[in-house]
Amino acid sequence: MPSRTKKTKRKPASQISHVAFLPLLVLSFIFWILYRGLFQFPVWFDETIGKGIFFGLPVWLYILVSGQRAISDTFASYKVKRGLMLGIAIGGIYGFLAALLAVSQKGIIQPAFPFESGIFWAEFFWAIMTGFWETLFFFSFVFLAIKAKFPKWYLMRQLLVVAGIFLIFHLPNILLRFTGPAVVFQVILLSLFALGQALLFYVEENGYTLVISHALWGMVLLLHF
């Protein structure tokens, strides 16, 4: 009798990506918490190298394991022009709303000319890096993975889950920097921002748009709050 060899079936890339998503997300959160709690590095290190390791590396591993190209497609070259222009427009809206909020809290905003300062441009570069790593992780990675893993979920549920993950990752920093009512204010502000970014990503799937709007939002908060 001829021997029968069993053929092993390979799991499709979609199943592999579904299995890899949650462990990578949980491990990223654990290592990020340990990093923020045990080490005190300068801001420039956190926003460039730190987030590159804890946000960029898991995404690279996910792409390597699953073969998913949808993540890198969010930063495709043909999306640059529209993404930058739309990001500036959305960032301007964020800035206007934040300025109104600052007026409601402080009563008046003093005129400032930050563009003349070298520190401003250094902060802006760090804001761009922050926007890039967080867009890559929370939206190009997490949002697209959730859409693929739970296609039957309603849009609002997907948006809330992504915004919730975004908030959970940022809570340690909020608790380290703020106390009392300021914590509640920051949580509400960050939740609304995350929901807005998630909806914007759902409509456009353009990483450049989110990077620029995120950076401008960060600079507005820096100037007014």
N, C-alpha and C. Protein backbone atom coordinates (compact mmCIF):
# COMPACT_ATOMS: atom_id res chain seq x y z
N MET A 1 0.85 -1.19 0.00
CA MET A 1 0.00 0.00 0.00
C MET A 1 0.88 1.24 0.00
N PRO A 2 0.63 2.16 -0.91
CA PRO A 2 1.43 3.39 -0.93
C PRO A 2 1.13 4.23 0.30
N SER A 3 2.15 4.81 0.84
CA SER A 3 1.98 5.64 2.03
C SER A 3 1.30 6.95 1.65
N ARG A 4 0.39 7.35 2.50
CA ARG A 4 -0.34 8.59 2.26
C ARG A 4 0.30 9.73 3.06
N THR A 5 0.59 10.75 2.38
CA THR A 5 1.16 11.93 3.06
C THR A 5 0.06 12.95 3.29
N LYS A 6 0.01 13.43 4.50
CA LYS A 6 -0.98 14.44 4.84
C LYS A 6 -0.51 15.82 4.39
N LYS A 7 -1.39 16.47 3.72
CA LYS A 7 -1.09 17.84 3.28
C LYS A 7 -1.51 18.84 4.34
N THR A 8 -0.57 19.64 4.75
CA THR A 8 -0.88 20.67 5.74
C THR A 8 -1.39 21.92 5.04
N LYS A 9 -2.50 22.38 5.51
CA LYS A 9 -3.11 23.57 4.93
C LYS A 9 -2.55 24.82 5.59
N ARG A 10 -2.13 25.73 4.77
CA ARG A 10 -1.65 27.00 5.30
C ARG A 10 -2.82 27.93 5.58
N LYS A 11 -2.71 28.60 6.68
CA LYS A 11 -3.74 29.58 6.99
C LYS A 11 -3.59 30.78 6.07
N PRO A 12 -4.72 31.30 5.56
CA PRO A 12 -4.63 32.50 4.73
C PRO A 12 -4.12 33.68 5.52
N ALA A 13 -3.62 34.68 4.80
CA ALA A 13 -3.02 35.85 5.46
C ALA A 13 -4.02 36.56 6.35
N SER A 14 -5.30 36.58 5.95
CA SER A 14 -6.30 37.27 6.74
C SER A 14 -6.45 36.63 8.13
N GLN A 15 -6.42 35.26 8.18
CA GLN A 15 -6.52 34.59 9.47
C GLN A 15 -5.29 34.84 10.33
N ILE A 16 -4.11 34.84 9.70
CA ILE A 16 -2.88 35.10 10.44
C ILE A 16 -2.90 36.50 11.03
N SER A 17 -3.35 37.46 10.24
CA SER A 17 -3.39 38.84 10.73
C SER A 17 -4.38 38.99 11.88
N HIS A 18 -5.52 38.26 11.80
CA HIS A 18 -6.50 38.33 12.89
C HIS A 18 -5.91 37.77 14.18
N VAL A 19 -5.14 36.70 14.07
CA VAL A 19 -4.52 36.10 15.26
C VAL A 19 -3.43 37.00 15.82
N ALA A 20 -2.67 37.64 14.95
CA ALA A 20 -1.53 38.44 15.40
C ALA A 20 -1.93 39.80 15.96
N PHE A 21 -3.09 40.30 15.58
CA PHE A 21 -3.48 41.67 15.94
C PHE A 21 -3.55 41.90 17.44
N LEU A 22 -4.36 41.11 18.13
CA LEU A 22 -4.57 41.34 19.56
C LEU A 22 -3.30 41.18 20.39
N PRO A 23 -2.51 40.10 20.20
CA PRO A 23 -1.25 39.99 20.97
C PRO A 23 -0.31 41.16 20.76
N LEU A 24 -0.19 41.62 19.50
CA LEU A 24 0.68 42.77 19.24
C LEU A 24 0.17 44.03 19.92
N LEU A 25 -1.14 44.19 19.91
CA LEU A 25 -1.74 45.37 20.55
C LEU A 25 -1.51 45.35 22.06
N VAL A 26 -1.75 44.20 22.68
CA VAL A 26 -1.58 44.08 24.13
C VAL A 26 -0.12 44.25 24.53
N LEU A 27 0.78 43.60 23.82
CA LEU A 27 2.20 43.72 24.13
C LEU A 27 2.69 45.15 23.94
N SER A 28 2.22 45.81 22.91
CA SER A 28 2.60 47.21 22.70
C SER A 28 2.16 48.07 23.87
N PHE A 29 0.95 47.82 24.36
CA PHE A 29 0.44 48.60 25.49
C PHE A 29 1.25 48.34 26.74
N ILE A 30 1.56 47.08 27.03
CA ILE A 30 2.32 46.73 28.24
C ILE A 30 3.71 47.37 28.20
N PHE A 31 4.41 47.21 27.08
CA PHE A 31 5.75 47.78 26.97
C PHE A 31 5.72 49.31 27.00
N TRP A 32 4.68 49.89 26.43
CA TRP A 32 4.56 51.35 26.45
C TRP A 32 4.34 51.85 27.88
N ILE A 33 3.49 51.16 28.65
CA ILE A 33 3.25 51.53 30.05
C ILE A 33 4.55 51.42 30.85
N LEU A 34 5.27 50.33 30.68
CA LEU A 34 6.53 50.16 31.40
C LEU A 34 7.53 51.25 31.03
N TYR A 35 7.58 51.56 29.76
CA TYR A 35 8.51 52.59 29.28
C TYR A 35 8.17 53.95 29.90
N ARG A 36 6.89 54.32 29.88
CA ARG A 36 6.48 55.62 30.42
C ARG A 36 6.63 55.69 31.93
N GLY A 37 6.43 54.54 32.60
CA GLY A 37 6.48 54.54 34.05
C GLY A 37 7.88 54.42 34.63
N LEU A 38 8.79 53.75 33.93
CA LEU A 38 10.11 53.48 34.48
C LEU A 38 11.20 54.44 34.00
N PHE A 39 10.97 55.05 32.85
CA PHE A 39 12.02 55.89 32.26
C PHE A 39 11.53 57.32 32.05
N GLN A 40 12.44 58.25 32.15
CA GLN A 40 12.14 59.66 31.92
C GLN A 40 13.12 60.21 30.90
N PHE A 41 12.78 60.07 29.64
CA PHE A 41 13.61 60.58 28.57
C PHE A 41 13.08 61.94 28.10
N PRO A 42 13.91 62.71 27.40
CA PRO A 42 13.44 63.99 26.86
C PRO A 42 12.29 63.79 25.89
N VAL A 43 11.53 64.87 25.68
CA VAL A 43 10.36 64.79 24.79
C VAL A 43 10.77 64.38 23.39
N TRP A 44 11.88 64.93 22.90
CA TRP A 44 12.28 64.62 21.53
C TRP A 44 12.57 63.13 21.36
N PHE A 45 13.10 62.50 22.42
CA PHE A 45 13.38 61.06 22.34
C PHE A 45 12.08 60.26 22.34
N ASP A 46 11.14 60.65 23.21
CA ASP A 46 9.86 59.95 23.28
C ASP A 46 9.12 59.99 21.94
N GLU A 47 9.09 61.18 21.33
CA GLU A 47 8.26 61.37 20.15
C GLU A 47 8.92 60.83 18.87
N THR A 48 10.19 60.60 18.88
CA THR A 48 10.86 60.11 17.68
C THR A 48 11.28 58.65 17.84
N ILE A 49 12.23 58.40 18.72
CA ILE A 49 12.77 57.05 18.87
C ILE A 49 11.84 56.15 19.69
N GLY A 50 11.34 56.68 20.82
CA GLY A 50 10.48 55.88 21.69
C GLY A 50 9.25 55.36 20.97
N LYS A 51 8.51 56.27 20.35
CA LYS A 51 7.30 55.84 19.64
C LYS A 51 7.63 55.06 18.38
N GLY A 52 8.80 55.31 17.81
CA GLY A 52 9.22 54.50 16.68
C GLY A 52 9.38 53.04 17.07
N ILE A 53 9.88 52.81 18.29
CA ILE A 53 10.08 51.44 18.77
C ILE A 53 8.76 50.80 19.18
N PHE A 54 7.98 51.50 20.00
CA PHE A 54 6.80 50.89 20.59
C PHE A 54 5.56 50.98 19.72
N PHE A 55 5.53 51.88 18.74
CA PHE A 55 4.40 51.97 17.82
C PHE A 55 4.77 51.50 16.42
N GLY A 56 5.97 51.86 15.96
CA GLY A 56 6.36 51.49 14.60
C GLY A 56 6.74 50.03 14.46
N LEU A 57 7.49 49.50 15.42
CA LEU A 57 7.96 48.11 15.33
C LEU A 57 6.81 47.10 15.30
N PRO A 58 5.78 47.23 16.16
CA PRO A 58 4.67 46.27 16.09
C PRO A 58 3.96 46.29 14.73
N VAL A 59 3.83 47.46 14.13
CA VAL A 59 3.18 47.55 12.82
C VAL A 59 4.03 46.84 11.77
N TRP A 60 5.34 47.03 11.84
CA TRP A 60 6.23 46.36 10.89
C TRP A 60 6.13 44.85 11.04
N LEU A 61 6.08 44.36 12.28
CA LEU A 61 5.94 42.92 12.53
C LEU A 61 4.61 42.41 12.00
N TYR A 62 3.56 43.19 12.18
CA TYR A 62 2.22 42.80 11.70
C TYR A 62 2.22 42.66 10.18
N ILE A 63 2.81 43.64 9.50
CA ILE A 63 2.88 43.58 8.04
C ILE A 63 3.73 42.39 7.60
N LEU A 64 4.82 42.15 8.31
CA LEU A 64 5.72 41.05 7.97
C LEU A 64 5.02 39.70 8.12
N VAL A 65 4.23 39.54 9.18
CA VAL A 65 3.56 38.27 9.44
C VAL A 65 2.36 38.06 8.52
N SER A 66 1.58 39.10 8.33
CA SER A 66 0.31 38.97 7.61
C SER A 66 0.40 39.25 6.12
N GLY A 67 1.41 40.02 5.72
CA GLY A 67 1.50 40.40 4.33
C GLY A 67 0.51 41.46 3.90
N GLN A 68 -0.15 42.09 4.88
CA GLN A 68 -1.14 43.12 4.58
C GLN A 68 -0.47 44.37 4.03
N ARG A 69 -0.95 44.84 2.88
CA ARG A 69 -0.40 46.04 2.28
C ARG A 69 -1.31 47.25 2.47
N ALA A 70 -2.47 47.01 3.04
CA ALA A 70 -3.41 48.13 3.22
C ALA A 70 -2.83 49.20 4.13
N ILE A 71 -1.99 48.78 5.09
CA ILE A 71 -1.39 49.75 6.02
C ILE A 71 -0.47 50.70 5.28
N SER A 72 0.45 50.15 4.51
CA SER A 72 1.38 51.01 3.77
C SER A 72 0.67 51.82 2.70
N ASP A 73 -0.45 51.31 2.19
CA ASP A 73 -1.21 52.05 1.17
C ASP A 73 -1.78 53.35 1.71
N THR A 74 -1.96 53.45 3.03
CA THR A 74 -2.46 54.71 3.59
C THR A 74 -1.45 55.84 3.46
N PHE A 75 -0.19 55.49 3.17
CA PHE A 75 0.85 56.48 2.94
C PHE A 75 1.39 56.38 1.51
N ALA A 76 0.55 55.98 0.58
CA ALA A 76 0.95 55.89 -0.82
C ALA A 76 1.30 57.28 -1.36
N SER A 77 2.19 57.32 -2.33
CA SER A 77 2.69 58.60 -2.84
C SER A 77 1.60 59.44 -3.50
N TYR A 78 0.62 58.78 -4.14
CA TYR A 78 -0.42 59.54 -4.83
C TYR A 78 -1.37 60.24 -3.86
N LYS A 79 -1.28 59.92 -2.57
CA LYS A 79 -2.14 60.54 -1.57
C LYS A 79 -1.51 61.76 -0.91
N VAL A 80 -0.27 62.08 -1.27
CA VAL A 80 0.46 63.13 -0.56
C VAL A 80 -0.22 64.49 -0.70
N LYS A 81 -0.48 64.92 -1.94
CA LYS A 81 -0.99 66.27 -2.17
C LYS A 81 -2.33 66.48 -1.49
N ARG A 82 -3.29 65.61 -1.74
CA ARG A 82 -4.60 65.75 -1.12
C ARG A 82 -4.50 65.63 0.40
N GLY A 83 -3.66 64.72 0.85
CA GLY A 83 -3.52 64.52 2.29
C GLY A 83 -2.98 65.74 3.00
N LEU A 84 -1.95 66.37 2.44
CA LEU A 84 -1.37 67.55 3.07
C LEU A 84 -2.34 68.72 3.07
N MET A 85 -3.01 68.95 1.95
CA MET A 85 -3.95 70.08 1.87
C MET A 85 -5.12 69.89 2.82
N LEU A 86 -5.68 68.68 2.82
CA LEU A 86 -6.81 68.41 3.71
C LEU A 86 -6.37 68.44 5.17
N GLY A 87 -5.16 67.96 5.45
CA GLY A 87 -4.66 67.98 6.82
C GLY A 87 -4.51 69.40 7.34
N ILE A 88 -4.03 70.30 6.50
CA ILE A 88 -3.91 71.71 6.89
C ILE A 88 -5.29 72.30 7.17
N ALA A 89 -6.27 71.97 6.32
CA ALA A 89 -7.63 72.49 6.50
C ALA A 89 -8.25 71.98 7.80
N ILE A 90 -8.15 70.67 8.02
CA ILE A 90 -8.73 70.09 9.24
C ILE A 90 -7.99 70.59 10.47
N GLY A 91 -6.66 70.70 10.36
CA GLY A 91 -5.88 71.23 11.48
C GLY A 91 -6.27 72.66 11.81
N GLY A 92 -6.60 73.44 10.77
CA GLY A 92 -7.06 74.80 11.01
C GLY A 92 -8.38 74.83 11.76
N ILE A 93 -9.26 73.90 11.43
CA ILE A 93 -10.54 73.82 12.15
C ILE A 93 -10.31 73.43 13.60
N TYR A 94 -9.42 72.44 13.82
CA TYR A 94 -9.07 72.05 15.19
C TYR A 94 -8.52 73.26 15.95
N GLY A 95 -7.64 74.02 15.29
CA GLY A 95 -7.04 75.18 15.94
C GLY A 95 -8.06 76.23 16.30
N PHE A 96 -9.02 76.45 15.40
CA PHE A 96 -10.07 77.44 15.68
C PHE A 96 -10.92 77.03 16.87
N LEU A 97 -11.30 75.75 16.91
CA LEU A 97 -12.12 75.25 18.02
C LEU A 97 -11.34 75.32 19.34
N ALA A 98 -10.05 74.98 19.30
CA ALA A 98 -9.24 75.05 20.51
C ALA A 98 -9.08 76.49 20.98
N ALA A 99 -8.96 77.43 20.03
CA ALA A 99 -8.85 78.84 20.40
C ALA A 99 -10.13 79.32 21.08
N LEU A 100 -11.29 78.89 20.55
CA LEU A 100 -12.56 79.24 21.19
C LEU A 100 -12.65 78.67 22.60
N LEU A 101 -12.16 77.44 22.75
CA LEU A 101 -12.17 76.82 24.07
C LEU A 101 -11.25 77.57 25.02
N ALA A 102 -10.11 78.01 24.53
CA ALA A 102 -9.18 78.77 25.37
C ALA A 102 -9.79 80.10 25.79
N VAL A 103 -10.50 80.74 24.87
CA VAL A 103 -11.17 82.00 25.20
C VAL A 103 -12.22 81.79 26.28
N SER A 104 -12.98 80.69 26.16
CA SER A 104 -14.02 80.41 27.16
C SER A 104 -13.44 80.16 28.54
N GLN A 105 -12.19 79.64 28.59
CA GLN A 105 -11.55 79.35 29.87
C GLN A 105 -10.81 80.56 30.43
N LYS A 106 -10.08 81.27 29.54
CA LYS A 106 -9.20 82.35 30.00
C LYS A 106 -9.81 83.75 29.80
N GLY A 107 -10.82 83.83 28.96
CA GLY A 107 -11.44 85.12 28.72
C GLY A 107 -10.79 85.93 27.62
N ILE A 108 -9.48 85.70 27.39
CA ILE A 108 -8.77 86.45 26.37
C ILE A 108 -7.52 85.68 25.97
N ILE A 109 -7.12 85.85 24.73
CA ILE A 109 -5.90 85.22 24.23
C ILE A 109 -4.92 86.31 23.84
N GLN A 110 -3.74 86.25 24.40
CA GLN A 110 -2.72 87.23 24.08
C GLN A 110 -2.12 86.92 22.70
N PRO A 111 -1.91 87.95 21.87
CA PRO A 111 -1.28 87.70 20.57
C PRO A 111 0.14 87.18 20.73
N ALA A 112 0.51 86.24 19.86
CA ALA A 112 1.84 85.65 19.93
C ALA A 112 2.37 85.46 18.52
N PHE A 113 3.69 85.44 18.41
CA PHE A 113 4.34 85.24 17.12
C PHE A 113 5.35 84.09 17.26
N PRO A 114 4.82 82.87 17.39
CA PRO A 114 5.71 81.72 17.68
C PRO A 114 6.63 81.36 16.52
N PHE A 115 6.25 81.74 15.29
CA PHE A 115 7.03 81.33 14.13
C PHE A 115 8.44 81.91 14.13
N GLU A 116 8.64 82.96 14.92
CA GLU A 116 9.96 83.59 14.97
C GLU A 116 10.92 82.86 15.89
N SER A 117 10.42 81.88 16.62
CA SER A 117 11.24 81.16 17.59
C SER A 117 11.73 79.84 17.01
N GLY A 118 13.01 79.56 17.24
CA GLY A 118 13.56 78.27 16.82
C GLY A 118 12.96 77.12 17.59
N ILE A 119 12.57 77.39 18.85
CA ILE A 119 11.95 76.34 19.67
C ILE A 119 10.64 75.89 19.05
N PHE A 120 9.90 76.84 18.46
CA PHE A 120 8.63 76.50 17.83
C PHE A 120 8.83 75.45 16.73
N TRP A 121 9.82 75.65 15.88
CA TRP A 121 10.03 74.74 14.77
C TRP A 121 10.54 73.38 15.24
N ALA A 122 11.29 73.36 16.36
CA ALA A 122 11.69 72.08 16.94
C ALA A 122 10.45 71.34 17.46
N GLU A 123 9.57 72.07 18.14
CA GLU A 123 8.34 71.46 18.65
C GLU A 123 7.46 70.97 17.50
N PHE A 124 7.45 71.74 16.43
CA PHE A 124 6.62 71.35 15.28
C PHE A 124 7.16 70.06 14.65
N PHE A 125 8.47 69.93 14.58
CA PHE A 125 9.06 68.70 14.04
C PHE A 125 8.69 67.51 14.91
N TRP A 126 8.76 67.68 16.23
CA TRP A 126 8.38 66.59 17.14
C TRP A 126 6.89 66.28 16.99
N ALA A 127 6.08 67.31 16.77
CA ALA A 127 4.64 67.09 16.58
C ALA A 127 4.38 66.29 15.31
N ILE A 128 5.14 66.57 14.25
CA ILE A 128 5.02 65.80 13.01
C ILE A 128 5.38 64.33 13.26
N MET A 129 6.46 64.10 14.00
CA MET A 129 6.87 62.73 14.30
C MET A 129 5.81 62.01 15.14
N THR A 130 5.27 62.72 16.12
CA THR A 130 4.20 62.14 16.93
C THR A 130 3.00 61.79 16.07
N GLY A 131 2.61 62.73 15.20
CA GLY A 131 1.48 62.48 14.32
C GLY A 131 1.70 61.29 13.41
N PHE A 132 2.94 61.13 12.93
CA PHE A 132 3.22 60.01 12.03
C PHE A 132 3.12 58.68 12.76
N TRP A 133 3.82 58.54 13.89
CA TRP A 133 3.84 57.25 14.58
C TRP A 133 2.45 56.88 15.10
N GLU A 134 1.72 57.87 15.62
CA GLU A 134 0.40 57.56 16.18
C GLU A 134 -0.62 57.29 15.08
N THR A 135 -0.51 57.98 13.95
CA THR A 135 -1.38 57.68 12.82
C THR A 135 -1.11 56.27 12.31
N LEU A 136 0.16 55.93 12.16
CA LEU A 136 0.54 54.61 11.68
C LEU A 136 0.00 53.52 12.60
N PHE A 137 0.11 53.72 13.91
CA PHE A 137 -0.27 52.67 14.86
C PHE A 137 -1.79 52.62 15.07
N PHE A 138 -2.38 53.74 15.46
CA PHE A 138 -3.78 53.72 15.90
C PHE A 138 -4.78 53.68 14.74
N PHE A 139 -4.41 54.16 13.59
CA PHE A 139 -5.37 54.23 12.50
C PHE A 139 -4.99 53.33 11.33
N SER A 140 -3.78 53.48 10.77
CA SER A 140 -3.39 52.61 9.68
C SER A 140 -3.33 51.15 10.12
N PHE A 141 -2.95 50.91 11.37
CA PHE A 141 -2.85 49.55 11.90
C PHE A 141 -4.13 49.13 12.63
N VAL A 142 -4.43 49.79 13.75
CA VAL A 142 -5.53 49.36 14.61
C VAL A 142 -6.88 49.47 13.89
N PHE A 143 -7.15 50.61 13.28
CA PHE A 143 -8.46 50.80 12.65
C PHE A 143 -8.66 49.81 11.50
N LEU A 144 -7.67 49.68 10.64
CA LEU A 144 -7.82 48.77 9.51
C LEU A 144 -7.93 47.32 9.98
N ALA A 145 -7.21 46.98 11.04
CA ALA A 145 -7.30 45.61 11.58
C ALA A 145 -8.68 45.35 12.17
N ILE A 146 -9.24 46.32 12.85
CA ILE A 146 -10.58 46.16 13.42
C ILE A 146 -11.63 46.05 12.31
N LYS A 147 -11.48 46.86 11.27
CA LYS A 147 -12.41 46.77 10.14
C LYS A 147 -12.37 45.39 9.49
N ALA A 148 -11.17 44.82 9.37
CA ALA A 148 -11.02 43.50 8.75
C ALA A 148 -11.49 42.39 9.69
N LYS A 149 -11.23 42.54 10.97
CA LYS A 149 -11.54 41.49 11.95
C LYS A 149 -13.03 41.48 12.31
N PHE A 150 -13.64 42.65 12.32
CA PHE A 150 -15.06 42.76 12.70
C PHE A 150 -15.83 43.53 11.61
N PRO A 151 -15.97 42.96 10.44
CA PRO A 151 -16.61 43.68 9.33
C PRO A 151 -18.10 43.95 9.54
N LYS A 152 -18.73 43.20 10.44
CA LYS A 152 -20.17 43.37 10.67
C LYS A 152 -20.48 44.44 11.72
N TRP A 153 -19.46 44.97 12.35
CA TRP A 153 -19.70 46.04 13.33
C TRP A 153 -20.20 47.29 12.63
N TYR A 154 -21.08 48.01 13.33
CA TYR A 154 -21.50 49.31 12.83
C TYR A 154 -20.33 50.29 12.89
N LEU A 155 -20.38 51.30 12.04
CA LEU A 155 -19.29 52.28 11.98
C LEU A 155 -19.05 52.92 13.33
N MET A 156 -20.12 53.31 14.03
CA MET A 156 -19.95 53.99 15.31
C MET A 156 -19.23 53.10 16.31
N ARG A 157 -19.51 51.83 16.28
CA ARG A 157 -18.83 50.91 17.20
C ARG A 157 -17.34 50.84 16.88
N GLN A 158 -17.01 50.77 15.60
CA GLN A 158 -15.60 50.75 15.20
C GLN A 158 -14.90 52.02 15.64
N LEU A 159 -15.55 53.17 15.42
CA LEU A 159 -14.96 54.45 15.81
C LEU A 159 -14.73 54.53 17.31
N LEU A 160 -15.71 54.07 18.09
CA LEU A 160 -15.60 54.14 19.55
C LEU A 160 -14.49 53.22 20.06
N VAL A 161 -14.35 52.05 19.46
CA VAL A 161 -13.30 51.12 19.90
C VAL A 161 -11.93 51.71 19.60
N VAL A 162 -11.75 52.26 18.40
CA VAL A 162 -10.46 52.85 18.03
C VAL A 162 -10.15 54.04 18.94
N ALA A 163 -11.14 54.90 19.16
CA ALA A 163 -10.94 56.05 20.05
C ALA A 163 -10.63 55.60 21.46
N GLY A 164 -11.29 54.52 21.91
CA GLY A 164 -11.02 53.99 23.25
C GLY A 164 -9.60 53.46 23.39
N ILE A 165 -9.12 52.76 22.37
CA ILE A 165 -7.74 52.27 22.40
C ILE A 165 -6.76 53.44 22.41
N PHE A 166 -7.04 54.44 21.58
CA PHE A 166 -6.21 55.65 21.55
C PHE A 166 -6.15 56.30 22.94
N LEU A 167 -7.30 56.40 23.59
CA LEU A 167 -7.36 57.02 24.91
C LEU A 167 -6.63 56.20 25.96
N ILE A 168 -6.78 54.88 25.94
CA ILE A 168 -6.13 54.02 26.92
C ILE A 168 -4.61 54.15 26.85
N PHE A 169 -4.07 54.23 25.64
CA PHE A 169 -2.63 54.37 25.48
C PHE A 169 -2.15 55.73 25.99
N HIS A 170 -3.01 56.75 25.96
CA HIS A 170 -2.60 58.09 26.38
C HIS A 170 -2.92 58.40 27.84
N LEU A 171 -3.69 57.55 28.48
CA LEU A 171 -4.06 57.80 29.88
C LEU A 171 -2.86 57.90 30.82
N PRO A 172 -1.87 57.01 30.72
CA PRO A 172 -0.73 57.13 31.64
C PRO A 172 -0.06 58.50 31.58
N ASN A 173 0.11 59.04 30.39
CA ASN A 173 0.73 60.36 30.26
C ASN A 173 -0.13 61.44 30.87
N ILE A 174 -1.46 61.33 30.70
CA ILE A 174 -2.38 62.30 31.29
C ILE A 174 -2.29 62.26 32.81
N LEU A 175 -2.29 61.05 33.39
CA LEU A 175 -2.25 60.90 34.84
C LEU A 175 -0.91 61.36 35.42
N LEU A 176 0.15 61.26 34.63
CA LEU A 176 1.46 61.72 35.10
C LEU A 176 1.58 63.24 35.07
N ARG A 177 0.88 63.89 34.15
CA ARG A 177 1.07 65.32 33.94
C ARG A 177 -0.01 66.18 34.58
N PHE A 178 -1.20 65.61 34.86
CA PHE A 178 -2.32 66.43 35.34
C PHE A 178 -2.92 65.82 36.60
N THR A 179 -3.64 66.65 37.33
CA THR A 179 -4.33 66.20 38.54
C THR A 179 -5.69 66.87 38.61
N GLY A 180 -6.60 66.26 39.37
CA GLY A 180 -7.89 66.86 39.63
C GLY A 180 -8.75 67.01 38.39
N PRO A 181 -9.50 68.13 38.31
CA PRO A 181 -10.41 68.35 37.18
C PRO A 181 -9.70 68.41 35.83
N ALA A 182 -8.42 68.76 35.86
CA ALA A 182 -7.67 68.84 34.60
C ALA A 182 -7.60 67.49 33.91
N VAL A 183 -7.62 66.40 34.69
CA VAL A 183 -7.58 65.05 34.11
C VAL A 183 -8.85 64.81 33.30
N VAL A 184 -9.99 65.16 33.88
CA VAL A 184 -11.28 64.97 33.20
C VAL A 184 -11.32 65.80 31.91
N PHE A 185 -10.85 67.03 32.00
CA PHE A 185 -10.83 67.91 30.83
C PHE A 185 -9.96 67.31 29.72
N GLN A 186 -8.79 66.81 30.08
CA GLN A 186 -7.89 66.23 29.08
C GLN A 186 -8.48 64.96 28.47
N VAL A 187 -9.15 64.15 29.28
CA VAL A 187 -9.76 62.92 28.78
C VAL A 187 -10.86 63.24 27.76
N ILE A 188 -11.70 64.22 28.09
CA ILE A 188 -12.78 64.62 27.17
C ILE A 188 -12.19 65.18 25.88
N LEU A 189 -11.19 66.04 26.03
CA LEU A 189 -10.57 66.66 24.86
C LEU A 189 -9.93 65.61 23.95
N LEU A 190 -9.22 64.68 24.57
CA LEU A 190 -8.53 63.65 23.80
C LEU A 190 -9.52 62.68 23.15
N SER A 191 -10.61 62.39 23.85
CA SER A 191 -11.63 61.49 23.29
C SER A 191 -12.28 62.09 22.05
N LEU A 192 -12.62 63.38 22.13
CA LEU A 192 -13.22 64.05 20.98
C LEU A 192 -12.25 64.10 19.80
N PHE A 193 -10.98 64.36 20.11
CA PHE A 193 -9.96 64.39 19.06
C PHE A 193 -9.82 63.02 18.40
N ALA A 194 -9.77 61.98 19.21
CA ALA A 194 -9.61 60.63 18.67
C ALA A 194 -10.80 60.23 17.80
N LEU A 195 -12.00 60.59 18.23
CA LEU A 195 -13.19 60.29 17.43
C LEU A 195 -13.15 61.03 16.10
N GLY A 196 -12.75 62.30 16.14
CA GLY A 196 -12.65 63.08 14.92
C GLY A 196 -11.62 62.50 13.96
N GLN A 197 -10.47 62.11 14.49
CA GLN A 197 -9.43 61.52 13.65
C GLN A 197 -9.86 60.17 13.08
N ALA A 198 -10.55 59.38 13.89
CA ALA A 198 -11.01 58.07 13.42
C ALA A 198 -12.02 58.23 12.29
N LEU A 199 -12.94 59.19 12.43
CA LEU A 199 -13.92 59.43 11.38
C LEU A 199 -13.24 59.94 10.11
N LEU A 200 -12.27 60.83 10.29
CA LEU A 200 -11.53 61.36 9.15
C LEU A 200 -10.78 60.24 8.42
N PHE A 201 -10.20 59.33 9.17
CA PHE A 201 -9.48 58.21 8.56
C PHE A 201 -10.44 57.29 7.84
N TYR A 202 -11.62 57.07 8.42
CA TYR A 202 -12.61 56.22 7.77
C TYR A 202 -13.00 56.77 6.40
N VAL A 203 -13.15 58.08 6.32
CA VAL A 203 -13.57 58.71 5.08
C VAL A 203 -12.45 58.72 4.05
N GLU A 204 -11.22 59.03 4.48
CA GLU A 204 -10.12 59.26 3.55
C GLU A 204 -9.13 58.11 3.43
N GLU A 205 -8.88 57.42 4.54
CA GLU A 205 -7.79 56.42 4.61
C GLU A 205 -6.49 57.00 4.05
N ASN A 206 -6.21 58.21 4.49
CA ASN A 206 -5.03 58.95 4.04
C ASN A 206 -4.20 59.31 5.26
N GLY A 207 -3.04 58.66 5.40
CA GLY A 207 -2.21 58.90 6.57
C GLY A 207 -1.67 60.31 6.65
N TYR A 208 -1.39 60.93 5.51
CA TYR A 208 -0.83 62.28 5.50
C TYR A 208 -1.80 63.28 6.12
N THR A 209 -3.08 63.10 5.84
CA THR A 209 -4.09 64.00 6.40
C THR A 209 -4.07 63.97 7.92
N LEU A 210 -4.02 62.76 8.47
CA LEU A 210 -4.04 62.63 9.92
C LEU A 210 -2.74 63.11 10.57
N VAL A 211 -1.61 62.90 9.90
CA VAL A 211 -0.34 63.35 10.46
C VAL A 211 -0.34 64.88 10.61
N ILE A 212 -0.73 65.58 9.55
CA ILE A 212 -0.71 67.05 9.59
C ILE A 212 -1.75 67.60 10.57
N SER A 213 -2.97 67.07 10.53
CA SER A 213 -3.99 67.56 11.45
C SER A 213 -3.61 67.27 12.89
N HIS A 214 -3.00 66.11 13.13
CA HIS A 214 -2.53 65.75 14.47
C HIS A 214 -1.44 66.71 14.94
N ALA A 215 -0.48 67.01 14.07
CA ALA A 215 0.61 67.91 14.43
C ALA A 215 0.09 69.32 14.73
N LEU A 216 -0.82 69.81 13.90
CA LEU A 216 -1.37 71.15 14.13
C LEU A 216 -2.18 71.19 15.41
N TRP A 217 -2.91 70.13 15.68
CA TRP A 217 -3.67 70.04 16.94
C TRP A 217 -2.73 70.11 18.14
N GLY A 218 -1.64 69.37 18.07
CA GLY A 218 -0.66 69.39 19.16
C GLY A 218 -0.05 70.75 19.37
N MET A 219 0.24 71.47 18.28
CA MET A 219 0.82 72.80 18.40
C MET A 219 -0.16 73.80 18.98
N VAL A 220 -1.44 73.65 18.62
CA VAL A 220 -2.47 74.54 19.18
C VAL A 220 -2.59 74.33 20.68
N LEU A 221 -2.59 73.07 21.10
CA LEU A 221 -2.68 72.78 22.54
C LEU A 221 -1.45 73.36 23.26
N LEU A 222 -0.29 73.25 22.63
CA LEU A 222 0.94 73.76 23.23
C LEU A 222 0.86 75.29 23.41
N LEU A 223 0.31 75.97 22.43
CA LEU A 223 0.26 77.43 22.47
C LEU A 223 -0.80 77.95 23.45
N HIS A 224 -1.97 77.27 23.47
CA HIS A 224 -3.10 77.81 24.24
C HIS A 224 -3.25 77.19 25.62
N PHE A 225 -2.74 75.96 25.80
CA PHE A 225 -2.98 75.27 27.08
C PHE A 225 -1.69 74.85 27.76
